[in-house]
Amino acid sequence: MELILALGAILTLALVWATVKFVGRGAGMAALLLGIVVTALLYVQLGLDR
């Protein structure tokens, strides 16, 4: 479970960095929110599967 949160955090940071670098700061914030939501949904889904 913790591994998924760690991977989600790393992937979210990578997505935000790439988005800010190539698109702009506003899109980076959208990518950050999207990454947080996806990671939270994965965490909840795996928690329900246990």
Protein backbone atom coordinates (compact mmCIF):
# COMPACT_ATOMS: atom_id res chain seq x y z
CA MET A 1 0.00 0.00 0.00
CA GLU A 2 2.79 2.42 0.89
CA LEU A 3 4.59 1.50 -2.31
CA ILE A 4 1.62 2.68 -4.36
CA LEU A 5 1.54 5.99 -2.52
CA ALA A 6 5.28 6.45 -3.05
CA LEU A 7 5.04 5.61 -6.75
CA GLY A 8 2.04 7.90 -7.11
CA ALA A 9 3.94 10.74 -5.49
CA ILE A 10 6.99 10.21 -7.71
CA LEU A 11 4.91 9.99 -10.87
CA THR A 12 2.91 13.07 -9.86
CA LEU A 13 6.09 15.09 -9.31
CA ALA A 14 7.50 13.93 -12.65
CA LEU A 15 4.24 14.83 -14.42
CA VAL A 16 4.12 18.26 -12.79
CA TRP A 17 7.77 18.98 -13.64
CA ALA A 18 7.32 17.99 -17.29
CA THR A 19 4.06 19.93 -17.60
CA VAL A 20 5.52 23.11 -16.10
CA LYS A 21 8.62 22.80 -18.27
CA PHE A 22 6.78 22.29 -21.55
CA VAL A 23 3.35 23.93 -21.07
CA GLY A 24 3.35 26.40 -18.20
CA ARG A 25 2.65 26.91 -14.52
CA GLY A 26 -1.17 26.80 -14.74
CA ALA A 27 -1.11 23.45 -16.48
CA GLY A 28 1.37 22.22 -13.87
CA MET A 29 -1.13 22.93 -11.11
CA ALA A 30 -3.79 21.02 -13.04
CA ALA A 31 -1.37 18.10 -13.42
CA LEU A 32 -0.63 18.20 -9.69
CA LEU A 33 -4.32 18.02 -8.80
CA LEU A 34 -4.88 15.22 -11.32
CA GLY A 35 -1.97 13.23 -9.87
CA ILE A 36 -3.26 13.63 -6.32
CA VAL A 37 -6.75 12.53 -7.33
CA VAL A 38 -5.51 9.48 -9.25
CA THR A 39 -3.23 8.41 -6.39
CA ALA A 40 -6.07 8.82 -3.88
CA LEU A 41 -8.42 6.79 -6.05
CA LEU A 42 -5.85 3.99 -6.36
CA TYR A 43 -5.32 4.01 -2.60
CA VAL A 44 -9.06 3.79 -1.94
CA GLN A 45 -9.58 1.08 -4.55
CA LEU A 46 -6.78 -1.08 -3.16
CA GLY A 47 -8.03 -0.48 0.37
CA LEU A 48 -11.46 -1.73 -0.63
CA ASP A 49 -9.98 -4.82 -2.31
CA ARG A 50 -8.31 -5.99 0.92
